[in-house]
Amino acid sequence: MAPRSLTAAAALLASSVGFYPTASHAYTLDAQFDCQSRPHDFIGQLIDDKYIEPNPMRVDTNSVNAFKPVHGSDMTAFGFRVYAVLGYEPDDGMFKKGRGEALAGPLYGAVLSGPSESVQARVLAAGSTAKVHMVIPFLLTAVICTR
């Protein structure tokens, strides 16, 4: 390839860099775990930005909705990969109702790929008031904000 062609190809590549998302940066949810958001806003923003599927993959009997990350999305919280996003807000049409008694108050959070002790340490270090719950020992941990 001639030097002129290399220069033209390099210029074309450099000029198009801003049009593609950078694959090396994960979208981090850390700031939302100040537990000040409404579940509708937390889930709605992730749906709008196409980080999670718009329909829940699971609805628990207590009406907690679990949303699956969109294929190829790269979300993290406290340095751990997000396995699912959780949310429920009473009397909010965004959330499907479960077969049992619904929670009395709002809830949002994420299920992370990591052991609960490690997740707990990072949540505390970040100053978050979120609660940490083991889902599957050594594999999955939920980080939950309630009001």
C-alpha atoms as a PDB file:
ATOM      1  CA  MET A   1       0.000   0.000   0.000  1.00  0.00           C
ATOM      2  CA  ALA A   2       1.397   3.382  -0.927  1.00  0.00           C
ATOM      3  CA  PRO A   3       2.240   5.909   1.826  1.00  0.00           C
ATOM      4  CA  ARG A   4      -0.511   8.221   0.550  1.00  0.00           C
ATOM      5  CA  SER A   5      -3.110   5.419   0.942  1.00  0.00           C
ATOM      6  CA  LEU A   6      -1.872   4.713   4.484  1.00  0.00           C
ATOM      7  CA  THR A   7      -2.234   8.375   5.385  1.00  0.00           C
ATOM      8  CA  ALA A   8      -5.756   8.494   3.959  1.00  0.00           C
ATOM      9  CA  ALA A   9      -6.762   5.295   5.796  1.00  0.00           C
ATOM     10  CA  ALA A  10      -5.305   6.605   9.064  1.00  0.00           C
ATOM     11  CA  ALA A  11      -7.154   9.918   8.664  1.00  0.00           C
ATOM     12  CA  LEU A  12     -10.436   8.114   7.942  1.00  0.00           C
ATOM     13  CA  LEU A  13     -10.000   5.869  10.982  1.00  0.00           C
ATOM     14  CA  ALA A  14      -9.085   8.792  13.247  1.00  0.00           C
ATOM     15  CA  SER A  15     -12.048  10.880  12.087  1.00  0.00           C
ATOM     16  CA  SER A  16     -14.526   8.072  12.772  1.00  0.00           C
ATOM     17  CA  VAL A  17     -13.362   7.287  16.314  1.00  0.00           C
ATOM     18  CA  GLY A  18     -15.965   9.549  17.924  1.00  0.00           C
ATOM     19  CA  PHE A  19     -18.841   7.737  16.218  1.00  0.00           C
ATOM     20  CA  TYR A  20     -18.355   4.396  17.966  1.00  0.00           C
ATOM     21  CA  PRO A  21     -18.664   3.643  21.683  1.00  0.00           C
ATOM     22  CA  THR A  22     -15.490   2.651  23.429  1.00  0.00           C
ATOM     23  CA  ALA A  23     -15.703  -1.036  24.242  1.00  0.00           C
ATOM     24  CA  SER A  24     -13.090  -0.873  26.994  1.00  0.00           C
ATOM     25  CA  HIS A  25     -15.223   1.206  29.382  1.00  0.00           C
ATOM     26  CA  ALA A  26     -17.984  -0.370  31.434  1.00  0.00           C
ATOM     27  CA  TYR A  27     -21.072   1.566  32.482  1.00  0.00           C
ATOM     28  CA  THR A  28     -20.891   1.727  36.255  1.00  0.00           C
ATOM     29  CA  LEU A  29     -23.932   1.893  38.525  1.00  0.00           C
ATOM     30  CA  ASP A  30     -21.981   2.938  41.643  1.00  0.00           C
ATOM     31  CA  ALA A  31     -23.461   6.450  41.865  1.00  0.00           C
ATOM     32  CA  GLN A  32     -27.043   5.143  41.814  1.00  0.00           C
ATOM     33  CA  PHE A  33     -26.336   3.151  44.976  1.00  0.00           C
ATOM     34  CA  ASP A  34     -26.525   6.299  47.060  1.00  0.00           C
ATOM     35  CA  CYS A  35     -30.074   4.926  47.506  1.00  0.00           C
ATOM     36  CA  GLN A  36     -31.667   8.281  46.662  1.00  0.00           C
ATOM     37  CA  SER A  37     -33.249   7.292  43.340  1.00  0.00           C
ATOM     38  CA  ARG A  38     -36.756   6.060  42.675  1.00  0.00           C
ATOM     39  CA  PRO A  39     -36.916   2.549  41.186  1.00  0.00           C
ATOM     40  CA  HIS A  40     -38.865   3.945  38.200  1.00  0.00           C
ATOM     41  CA  ASP A  41     -36.052   6.382  37.407  1.00  0.00           C
ATOM     42  CA  PHE A  42     -33.268   3.834  37.986  1.00  0.00           C
ATOM     43  CA  ILE A  43     -34.841   1.128  35.795  1.00  0.00           C
ATOM     44  CA  GLY A  44     -36.278   3.583  33.246  1.00  0.00           C
ATOM     45  CA  GLN A  45     -32.889   5.159  32.542  1.00  0.00           C
ATOM     46  CA  LEU A  46     -31.267   1.758  32.007  1.00  0.00           C
ATOM     47  CA  ILE A  47     -34.072   0.763  29.612  1.00  0.00           C
ATOM     48  CA  ASP A  48     -33.856   4.087  27.742  1.00  0.00           C
ATOM     49  CA  ASP A  49     -30.082   3.752  27.412  1.00  0.00           C
ATOM     50  CA  LYS A  50     -30.542   0.143  26.225  1.00  0.00           C
ATOM     51  CA  TYR A  51     -28.492  -1.444  29.007  1.00  0.00           C
ATOM     52  CA  ILE A  52     -31.323  -3.760  30.120  1.00  0.00           C
ATOM     53  CA  GLU A  53     -34.228  -5.482  28.394  1.00  0.00           C
ATOM     54  CA  PRO A  54     -37.520  -3.544  28.736  1.00  0.00           C
ATOM     55  CA  ASN A  55     -39.474  -6.579  29.971  1.00  0.00           C
ATOM     56  CA  PRO A  56     -38.471  -8.385  33.142  1.00  0.00           C
ATOM     57  CA  MET A  57     -36.982 -11.858  32.777  1.00  0.00           C
ATOM     58  CA  ARG A  58     -38.542 -12.803  36.120  1.00  0.00           C
ATOM     59  CA  VAL A  59     -41.171 -11.453  38.490  1.00  0.00           C
ATOM     60  CA  ASP A  60     -40.983 -12.779  42.044  1.00  0.00           C
ATOM     61  CA  THR A  61     -44.109 -13.483  44.072  1.00  0.00           C
ATOM     62  CA  ASN A  62     -43.422 -10.266  46.043  1.00  0.00           C
ATOM     63  CA  SER A  63     -43.444  -8.316  42.725  1.00  0.00           C
ATOM     64  CA  VAL A  64     -39.704  -7.659  42.531  1.00  0.00           C
ATOM     65  CA  ASN A  65     -38.918  -7.514  38.804  1.00  0.00           C
ATOM     66  CA  ALA A  66     -35.554  -8.822  37.538  1.00  0.00           C
ATOM     67  CA  PHE A  67     -34.310  -7.313  34.283  1.00  0.00           C
ATOM     68  CA  LYS A  68     -31.672  -8.951  32.102  1.00  0.00           C
ATOM     69  CA  PRO A  69     -28.794  -6.890  30.709  1.00  0.00           C
ATOM     70  CA  VAL A  70     -28.948  -6.433  26.942  1.00  0.00           C
ATOM     71  CA  HIS A  71     -26.570  -8.754  25.098  1.00  0.00           C
ATOM     72  CA  GLY A  72     -23.230  -7.009  24.819  1.00  0.00           C
ATOM     73  CA  SER A  73     -23.894  -4.401  27.499  1.00  0.00           C
ATOM     74  CA  ASP A  74     -21.089  -4.025  29.994  1.00  0.00           C
ATOM     75  CA  MET A  75     -22.434  -2.863  33.350  1.00  0.00           C
ATOM     76  CA  THR A  76     -20.632  -2.975  36.658  1.00  0.00           C
ATOM     77  CA  ALA A  77     -21.300  -1.957  40.237  1.00  0.00           C
ATOM     78  CA  PHE A  78     -18.484  -1.598  42.747  1.00  0.00           C
ATOM     79  CA  GLY A  79     -16.160  -3.318  40.269  1.00  0.00           C
ATOM     80  CA  PHE A  80     -18.338  -6.418  39.797  1.00  0.00           C
ATOM     81  CA  ARG A  81     -20.196  -7.413  36.631  1.00  0.00           C
ATOM     82  CA  VAL A  82     -23.976  -6.928  36.766  1.00  0.00           C
ATOM     83  CA  TYR A  83     -25.869 -10.191  36.294  1.00  0.00           C
ATOM     84  CA  ALA A  84     -29.381  -8.676  36.644  1.00  0.00           C
ATOM     85  CA  VAL A  85     -31.058  -5.426  37.664  1.00  0.00           C
ATOM     86  CA  LEU A  86     -33.901  -5.438  40.191  1.00  0.00           C
ATOM     87  CA  GLY A  87     -36.755  -3.045  40.822  1.00  0.00           C
ATOM     88  CA  TYR A  88     -40.227  -2.577  42.202  1.00  0.00           C
ATOM     89  CA  GLU A  89     -42.337   0.442  43.041  1.00  0.00           C
ATOM     90  CA  PRO A  90     -45.918   0.127  44.331  1.00  0.00           C
ATOM     91  CA  ASP A  91     -48.602   1.396  41.953  1.00  0.00           C
ATOM     92  CA  ASP A  92     -46.141   1.868  39.091  1.00  0.00           C
ATOM     93  CA  GLY A  93     -47.146   0.345  35.760  1.00  0.00           C
ATOM     94  CA  MET A  94     -43.507  -0.169  34.774  1.00  0.00           C
ATOM     95  CA  PHE A  95     -43.356  -3.122  37.169  1.00  0.00           C
ATOM     96  CA  LYS A  96     -45.337  -6.324  36.733  1.00  0.00           C
ATOM     97  CA  LYS A  97     -47.127  -7.724  39.787  1.00  0.00           C
ATOM     98  CA  GLY A  98     -46.239 -11.093  41.264  1.00  0.00           C
ATOM     99  CA  ARG A  99     -48.686 -13.760  42.421  1.00  0.00           C
ATOM    100  CA  GLY A 100     -48.134 -13.090  46.129  1.00  0.00           C
ATOM    101  CA  GLU A 101     -48.283 -10.070  48.376  1.00  0.00           C
ATOM    102  CA  ALA A 102     -46.299  -7.186  46.916  1.00  0.00           C
ATOM    103  CA  LEU A 103     -43.661  -5.325  48.883  1.00  0.00           C
ATOM    104  CA  ALA A 104     -45.007  -2.350  50.798  1.00  0.00           C
ATOM    105  CA  GLY A 105     -42.295   0.003  49.595  1.00  0.00           C
ATOM    106  CA  PRO A 106     -39.976   0.688  46.671  1.00  0.00           C
ATOM    107  CA  LEU A 107     -36.812  -1.279  45.997  1.00  0.00           C
ATOM    108  CA  TYR A 108     -34.079  -1.248  43.384  1.00  0.00           C
ATOM    109  CA  GLY A 109     -30.736  -2.917  43.010  1.00  0.00           C
ATOM    110  CA  ALA A 110     -28.519  -5.292  41.103  1.00  0.00           C
ATOM    111  CA  VAL A 111     -27.323  -8.864  41.302  1.00  0.00           C
ATOM    112  CA  LEU A 112     -23.559  -8.903  40.950  1.00  0.00           C
ATOM    113  CA  SER A 113     -21.140 -11.655  39.965  1.00  0.00           C
ATOM    114  CA  GLY A 114     -19.028 -11.852  43.094  1.00  0.00           C
ATOM    115  CA  PRO A 115     -18.872 -13.211  46.635  1.00  0.00           C
ATOM    116  CA  SER A 116     -20.899 -11.339  49.249  1.00  0.00           C
ATOM    117  CA  GLU A 117     -17.911 -10.580  51.509  1.00  0.00           C
ATOM    118  CA  SER A 118     -16.033  -8.856  48.685  1.00  0.00           C
ATOM    119  CA  VAL A 119     -19.108  -6.961  47.521  1.00  0.00           C
ATOM    120  CA  GLN A 120     -19.889  -5.878  51.106  1.00  0.00           C
ATOM    121  CA  ALA A 121     -16.361  -4.533  51.569  1.00  0.00           C
ATOM    122  CA  ARG A 122     -16.577  -2.421  48.397  1.00  0.00           C
ATOM    123  CA  VAL A 123     -20.093  -1.147  49.192  1.00  0.00           C
ATOM    124  CA  LEU A 124     -18.901  -0.007  52.634  1.00  0.00           C
ATOM    125  CA  ALA A 125     -15.723   1.534  51.188  1.00  0.00           C
ATOM    126  CA  ALA A 126     -17.864   3.544  48.753  1.00  0.00           C
ATOM    127  CA  GLY A 127     -20.007   4.881  51.614  1.00  0.00           C
ATOM    128  CA  SER A 128     -23.189   3.393  50.178  1.00  0.00           C
ATOM    129  CA  THR A 129     -26.163   2.653  52.416  1.00  0.00           C
ATOM    130  CA  ALA A 130     -27.251  -0.237  50.153  1.00  0.00           C
ATOM    131  CA  LYS A 131     -27.862  -3.616  51.753  1.00  0.00           C
ATOM    132  CA  VAL A 132     -25.897  -6.660  50.586  1.00  0.00           C
ATOM    133  CA  HIS A 133     -27.549 -10.098  50.367  1.00  0.00           C
ATOM    134  CA  MET A 134     -25.943 -13.387  49.322  1.00  0.00           C
ATOM    135  CA  VAL A 135     -27.855 -15.001  46.425  1.00  0.00           C
ATOM    136  CA  ILE A 136     -25.586 -17.955  45.573  1.00  0.00           C
ATOM    137  CA  PRO A 137     -22.548 -18.494  47.838  1.00  0.00           C
ATOM    138  CA  PHE A 138     -19.291 -17.301  46.250  1.00  0.00           C
ATOM    139  CA  LEU A 139     -21.034 -16.512  42.935  1.00  0.00           C
ATOM    140  CA  LEU A 140     -23.882 -13.992  43.059  1.00  0.00           C
ATOM    141  CA  THR A 141     -24.674 -11.181  45.487  1.00  0.00           C
ATOM    142  CA  ALA A 142     -27.550  -8.692  45.507  1.00  0.00           C
ATOM    143  CA  VAL A 143     -27.045  -5.029  46.362  1.00  0.00           C
ATOM    144  CA  ILE A 144     -30.399  -3.457  47.303  1.00  0.00           C
ATOM    145  CA  CYS A 145     -31.658   0.047  48.028  1.00  0.00           C
ATOM    146  CA  THR A 146     -34.952   0.475  49.881  1.00  0.00           C
ATOM    147  CA  ARG A 147     -36.758   3.380  51.475  1.00  0.00           C
END
